[in-house]
């Protein structure tokens, strides 16, 4: 088994098919999950709604900076003589670390 969740689902399915005599508490101890989570997994297995993959996998984060804004920041910063810290205070819409990483990537590419 690759993950704890796959192991838990496999043990729950065996329990539901009467192939195992483990209790749900024992399944929780084996997998390290809380007994309430094991009962939640049991309900999902019984309903056929179990998903072994995280729901947000392959999605872009909602707070990702757009390409246009990145280009705008790079263009503004390249025209200024200010330090990154002063430029960040001037720009004000993004955090210091965000602007620093954008500027650092541009300097690294050159």
N, C-alpha and C. Protein backbone atom coordinates (compact mmCIF):
# COMPACT_ATOMS: atom_id res chain seq x y z
N UNK A 1 0.84 -1.19 0.00
CA UNK A 1 0.00 0.00 0.00
C UNK A 1 0.88 1.25 0.00
N UNK A 2 0.42 2.26 -0.72
CA UNK A 2 1.19 3.50 -0.79
C UNK A 2 0.92 4.42 0.38
N UNK A 3 -0.34 4.54 0.76
CA UNK A 3 -0.67 5.50 1.81
C UNK A 3 -1.50 4.86 2.90
N UNK A 4 -1.57 5.59 4.01
CA UNK A 4 -2.40 5.12 5.13
C UNK A 4 -3.86 5.04 4.72
N UNK A 5 -4.30 6.00 3.91
CA UNK A 5 -5.71 6.04 3.52
C UNK A 5 -6.06 4.82 2.68
N UNK A 6 -5.16 4.44 1.75
CA UNK A 6 -5.42 3.24 0.95
C UNK A 6 -5.50 2.00 1.82
N UNK A 7 -4.62 1.92 2.82
CA UNK A 7 -4.64 0.79 3.74
C UNK A 7 -5.95 0.77 4.53
N UNK A 8 -6.37 1.94 5.01
CA UNK A 8 -7.61 2.02 5.78
C UNK A 8 -8.81 1.61 4.92
N UNK A 9 -8.86 2.09 3.70
CA UNK A 9 -9.98 1.76 2.80
C UNK A 9 -9.98 0.26 2.50
N UNK A 10 -8.80 -0.30 2.28
CA UNK A 10 -8.70 -1.73 2.01
C UNK A 10 -9.19 -2.55 3.21
N UNK A 11 -8.76 -2.16 4.42
CA UNK A 11 -9.20 -2.87 5.63
C UNK A 11 -10.71 -2.72 5.85
N UNK A 12 -11.24 -1.54 5.58
CA UNK A 12 -12.69 -1.31 5.74
C UNK A 12 -13.47 -2.15 4.74
N UNK A 13 -12.98 -2.21 3.49
CA UNK A 13 -13.68 -3.02 2.49
C UNK A 13 -13.66 -4.50 2.87
N UNK A 14 -12.53 -4.97 3.38
CA UNK A 14 -12.47 -6.36 3.83
C UNK A 14 -13.44 -6.60 4.99
N UNK A 15 -13.55 -5.64 5.89
CA UNK A 15 -14.48 -5.76 7.03
C UNK A 15 -15.92 -5.81 6.52
N UNK A 16 -16.24 -4.94 5.57
CA UNK A 16 -17.61 -4.90 5.03
C UNK A 16 -17.96 -6.17 4.25
N UNK A 17 -16.94 -6.80 3.63
CA UNK A 17 -17.17 -8.04 2.88
C UNK A 17 -17.03 -9.29 3.75
N UNK A 18 -16.93 -9.10 5.07
CA UNK A 18 -16.77 -10.19 6.04
C UNK A 18 -15.53 -11.03 5.78
N UNK A 19 -14.47 -10.40 5.26
CA UNK A 19 -13.20 -11.09 5.03
C UNK A 19 -12.23 -10.83 6.18
N UNK A 20 -12.61 -9.95 7.11
CA UNK A 20 -11.73 -9.60 8.22
C UNK A 20 -12.56 -9.48 9.49
N UNK A 21 -11.95 -9.83 10.60
CA UNK A 21 -12.64 -9.73 11.89
C UNK A 21 -12.11 -8.56 12.72
N UNK A 22 -11.37 -7.65 12.09
CA UNK A 22 -10.88 -6.47 12.80
C UNK A 22 -12.06 -5.54 13.13
N UNK A 23 -11.97 -4.90 14.27
CA UNK A 23 -12.97 -3.89 14.60
C UNK A 23 -12.54 -2.56 13.99
N UNK A 24 -13.47 -1.62 13.93
CA UNK A 24 -13.12 -0.31 13.38
C UNK A 24 -12.13 0.41 14.28
N UNK A 25 -12.17 0.14 15.57
CA UNK A 25 -11.20 0.71 16.49
C UNK A 25 -9.81 0.15 16.21
N UNK A 26 -9.72 -1.12 15.91
CA UNK A 26 -8.43 -1.73 15.56
C UNK A 26 -7.91 -1.19 14.23
N UNK A 27 -8.80 -0.98 13.27
CA UNK A 27 -8.40 -0.39 11.99
C UNK A 27 -7.84 1.01 12.24
N UNK A 28 -8.47 1.77 13.13
CA UNK A 28 -8.00 3.11 13.46
C UNK A 28 -6.61 3.04 14.09
N UNK A 29 -6.38 2.08 14.96
CA UNK A 29 -5.07 1.93 15.60
C UNK A 29 -4.00 1.52 14.61
N UNK A 30 -4.34 0.64 13.69
CA UNK A 30 -3.38 0.17 12.68
C UNK A 30 -2.97 1.31 11.76
N UNK A 31 -3.94 2.10 11.32
CA UNK A 31 -3.67 3.17 10.36
C UNK A 31 -3.22 4.47 11.00
N UNK A 32 -3.51 4.63 12.29
CA UNK A 32 -3.15 5.87 12.96
C UNK A 32 -4.20 6.95 12.84
N UNK A 33 -5.34 6.62 12.27
CA UNK A 33 -6.44 7.58 12.15
C UNK A 33 -7.30 7.58 13.39
N UNK A 34 -8.05 8.64 13.57
CA UNK A 34 -9.01 8.74 14.67
C UNK A 34 -10.20 7.83 14.32
N UNK A 35 -10.80 7.18 15.31
CA UNK A 35 -11.94 6.29 15.04
C UNK A 35 -13.10 7.00 14.30
N UNK A 36 -13.31 8.28 14.59
CA UNK A 36 -14.38 9.01 13.88
C UNK A 36 -14.07 9.13 12.40
N UNK A 37 -12.77 9.33 12.07
CA UNK A 37 -12.39 9.42 10.66
C UNK A 37 -12.56 8.07 9.96
N UNK A 38 -12.29 6.98 10.68
CA UNK A 38 -12.47 5.65 10.11
C UNK A 38 -13.95 5.41 9.82
N UNK A 39 -14.85 5.87 10.72
CA UNK A 39 -16.29 5.70 10.45
C UNK A 39 -16.73 6.59 9.29
N UNK A 40 -16.10 7.74 9.12
CA UNK A 40 -16.40 8.61 7.97
C UNK A 40 -15.96 7.92 6.68
N UNK A 41 -14.76 7.31 6.72
CA UNK A 41 -14.28 6.57 5.55
C UNK A 41 -15.20 5.39 5.24
N UNK A 42 -15.71 4.73 6.28
CA UNK A 42 -16.63 3.61 6.09
C UNK A 42 -17.88 4.05 5.35
N UNK A 43 -18.43 5.20 5.76
CA UNK A 43 -19.63 5.73 5.08
C UNK A 43 -19.33 6.05 3.62
N UNK A 44 -18.14 6.64 3.36
CA UNK A 44 -17.77 6.96 1.99
C UNK A 44 -17.59 5.69 1.15
N UNK A 45 -17.01 4.65 1.75
CA UNK A 45 -16.83 3.38 1.03
C UNK A 45 -18.19 2.77 0.72
N UNK A 46 -19.11 2.81 1.70
CA UNK A 46 -20.44 2.23 1.49
C UNK A 46 -21.23 3.00 0.44
N UNK A 47 -21.06 4.33 0.39
CA UNK A 47 -21.78 5.16 -0.60
C UNK A 47 -21.08 5.19 -1.95
N UNK A 48 -19.84 4.71 -2.00
CA UNK A 48 -19.08 4.75 -3.25
C UNK A 48 -18.54 6.12 -3.58
N UNK A 49 -18.42 6.99 -2.59
CA UNK A 49 -17.94 8.35 -2.82
C UNK A 49 -16.50 8.55 -2.36
N UNK A 50 -15.80 7.46 -2.08
CA UNK A 50 -14.42 7.56 -1.57
C UNK A 50 -13.49 8.07 -2.66
N UNK A 51 -12.61 8.99 -2.29
CA UNK A 51 -11.62 9.53 -3.21
C UNK A 51 -10.27 9.48 -2.53
N UNK A 52 -9.31 8.84 -3.18
CA UNK A 52 -7.98 8.71 -2.61
C UNK A 52 -7.09 9.88 -3.01
N UNK A 53 -7.60 10.76 -3.86
CA UNK A 53 -6.85 11.91 -4.32
C UNK A 53 -7.44 13.17 -3.69
N UNK A 54 -6.58 14.10 -3.31
CA UNK A 54 -7.05 15.35 -2.70
C UNK A 54 -7.84 16.16 -3.71
N UNK A 55 -8.90 16.80 -3.24
CA UNK A 55 -9.80 17.53 -4.12
C UNK A 55 -9.18 18.72 -4.83
N UNK A 56 -8.15 19.32 -4.25
CA UNK A 56 -7.53 20.50 -4.86
C UNK A 56 -6.30 20.17 -5.69
N UNK A 57 -6.04 18.90 -5.91
CA UNK A 57 -4.87 18.51 -6.68
C UNK A 57 -4.99 19.05 -8.10
N UNK A 58 -3.89 19.54 -8.63
CA UNK A 58 -3.80 20.10 -9.98
C UNK A 58 -4.58 21.39 -10.16
N UNK A 59 -4.97 22.05 -9.10
CA UNK A 59 -5.62 23.35 -9.19
C UNK A 59 -4.61 24.44 -8.85
N UNK A 60 -4.76 25.57 -9.49
CA UNK A 60 -3.89 26.69 -9.19
C UNK A 60 -4.42 27.41 -7.95
N UNK A 61 -3.53 27.80 -7.03
CA UNK A 61 -3.98 28.50 -5.83
C UNK A 61 -4.70 29.81 -6.18
N UNK A 62 -5.66 30.17 -5.35
CA UNK A 62 -6.47 31.36 -5.64
C UNK A 62 -5.70 32.65 -5.47
N UNK A 63 -4.61 32.63 -4.70
CA UNK A 63 -3.85 33.86 -4.47
C UNK A 63 -2.61 33.95 -5.37
N UNK A 64 -2.57 33.18 -6.44
CA UNK A 64 -1.45 33.21 -7.36
C UNK A 64 -1.42 34.54 -8.10
N UNK A 65 -0.24 35.09 -8.24
CA UNK A 65 -0.08 36.36 -8.93
C UNK A 65 -0.16 36.11 -10.44
N UNK A 66 -0.86 36.99 -11.13
CA UNK A 66 -1.04 36.81 -12.58
C UNK A 66 0.23 37.20 -13.33
N UNK A 67 0.36 36.69 -14.53
CA UNK A 67 1.52 37.01 -15.38
C UNK A 67 1.57 38.50 -15.68
N UNK A 68 0.41 39.12 -15.90
CA UNK A 68 0.37 40.55 -16.21
C UNK A 68 0.89 41.38 -15.04
N UNK A 69 0.47 41.02 -13.81
CA UNK A 69 0.93 41.77 -12.64
C UNK A 69 2.43 41.55 -12.41
N UNK A 70 2.90 40.33 -12.66
CA UNK A 70 4.33 40.06 -12.53
C UNK A 70 5.13 40.94 -13.48
N UNK A 71 4.68 40.99 -14.74
CA UNK A 71 5.37 41.81 -15.74
C UNK A 71 5.32 43.28 -15.35
N UNK A 72 4.19 43.72 -14.80
CA UNK A 72 4.03 45.10 -14.38
C UNK A 72 5.01 45.44 -13.25
N UNK A 73 5.14 44.54 -12.27
CA UNK A 73 6.06 44.74 -11.16
C UNK A 73 7.50 44.80 -11.66
N UNK A 74 7.85 43.89 -12.55
CA UNK A 74 9.21 43.86 -13.11
C UNK A 74 9.51 45.15 -13.86
N UNK A 75 8.55 45.60 -14.65
CA UNK A 75 8.72 46.83 -15.44
C UNK A 75 8.88 48.04 -14.51
N UNK A 76 8.02 48.14 -13.49
CA UNK A 76 8.11 49.25 -12.54
C UNK A 76 9.43 49.24 -11.78
N UNK A 77 9.81 48.06 -11.29
CA UNK A 77 11.02 47.97 -10.47
C UNK A 77 12.27 48.28 -11.30
N UNK A 78 12.28 47.84 -12.56
CA UNK A 78 13.46 48.09 -13.39
C UNK A 78 13.65 49.58 -13.67
N UNK A 79 12.56 50.34 -13.65
CA UNK A 79 12.65 51.79 -13.89
C UNK A 79 13.01 52.56 -12.63
N UNK A 80 12.88 51.93 -11.46
CA UNK A 80 13.12 52.65 -10.21
C UNK A 80 14.55 52.44 -9.73
N UNK A 81 14.99 53.34 -8.87
CA UNK A 81 16.31 53.22 -8.26
C UNK A 81 16.19 52.78 -6.81
N UNK A 82 15.00 52.46 -6.37
CA UNK A 82 14.75 52.14 -4.96
C UNK A 82 15.18 50.71 -4.65
N UNK A 83 15.41 50.47 -3.37
CA UNK A 83 15.68 49.11 -2.92
C UNK A 83 14.38 48.31 -3.00
N UNK A 84 14.50 47.01 -2.89
CA UNK A 84 13.31 46.16 -2.96
C UNK A 84 12.34 46.49 -1.82
N UNK A 85 12.90 46.75 -0.64
CA UNK A 85 12.06 47.05 0.52
C UNK A 85 11.27 48.35 0.32
N UNK A 86 11.94 49.38 -0.18
CA UNK A 86 11.26 50.66 -0.42
C UNK A 86 10.25 50.53 -1.56
N UNK A 87 10.63 49.75 -2.60
CA UNK A 87 9.72 49.53 -3.71
C UNK A 87 8.47 48.80 -3.23
N UNK A 88 8.65 47.85 -2.33
CA UNK A 88 7.52 47.08 -1.80
C UNK A 88 6.57 48.00 -1.04
N UNK A 89 7.10 48.92 -0.25
CA UNK A 89 6.24 49.88 0.47
C UNK A 89 5.50 50.77 -0.51
N UNK A 90 6.18 51.16 -1.60
CA UNK A 90 5.56 52.00 -2.63
C UNK A 90 4.45 51.23 -3.34
N UNK A 91 4.72 49.99 -3.72
CA UNK A 91 3.75 49.19 -4.49
C UNK A 91 2.54 48.84 -3.61
N UNK A 92 2.77 48.32 -2.44
CA UNK A 92 1.74 48.14 -1.43
C UNK A 92 0.71 47.04 -1.62
N UNK A 93 0.55 46.49 -2.80
CA UNK A 93 -0.49 45.47 -3.02
C UNK A 93 -0.02 44.06 -2.71
N UNK A 94 1.26 43.83 -2.72
CA UNK A 94 1.82 42.50 -2.48
C UNK A 94 2.82 42.55 -1.34
N UNK A 95 3.09 41.39 -0.76
CA UNK A 95 4.03 41.32 0.36
C UNK A 95 5.46 41.48 -0.14
N UNK A 96 6.33 41.77 0.81
CA UNK A 96 7.76 41.92 0.50
C UNK A 96 8.30 40.65 -0.13
N UNK A 97 7.97 39.49 0.46
CA UNK A 97 8.52 38.22 -0.04
C UNK A 97 8.05 37.94 -1.47
N UNK A 98 6.83 38.29 -1.78
CA UNK A 98 6.30 38.09 -3.13
C UNK A 98 7.09 38.91 -4.14
N UNK A 99 7.25 40.19 -3.84
CA UNK A 99 7.98 41.08 -4.76
C UNK A 99 9.45 40.68 -4.82
N UNK A 100 10.03 40.35 -3.69
CA UNK A 100 11.43 39.93 -3.66
C UNK A 100 11.66 38.71 -4.55
N UNK A 101 10.77 37.72 -4.46
CA UNK A 101 10.92 36.51 -5.28
C UNK A 101 10.78 36.81 -6.76
N UNK A 102 9.90 37.71 -7.12
CA UNK A 102 9.73 38.09 -8.54
C UNK A 102 10.99 38.76 -9.04
N UNK A 103 11.52 39.72 -8.28
CA UNK A 103 12.70 40.46 -8.69
C UNK A 103 13.92 39.54 -8.69
N UNK A 104 14.02 38.65 -7.71
CA UNK A 104 15.15 37.71 -7.62
C UNK A 104 15.16 36.78 -8.83
N UNK A 105 13.99 36.31 -9.26
CA UNK A 105 13.91 35.42 -10.43
C UNK A 105 14.35 36.14 -11.68
N UNK A 106 14.01 37.42 -11.80
CA UNK A 106 14.41 38.19 -12.97
C UNK A 106 15.93 38.37 -12.99
N UNK A 107 16.51 38.68 -11.82
CA UNK A 107 17.96 38.87 -11.74
C UNK A 107 18.69 37.55 -12.02
N UNK A 108 18.11 36.43 -11.59
CA UNK A 108 18.73 35.12 -11.80
C UNK A 108 18.73 34.75 -13.28
N UNK A 109 17.66 35.12 -13.98
CA UNK A 109 17.53 34.80 -15.41
C UNK A 109 18.52 35.59 -16.27
N UNK A 110 18.92 36.77 -15.80
CA UNK A 110 19.82 37.61 -16.61
C UNK A 110 21.24 37.15 -16.57
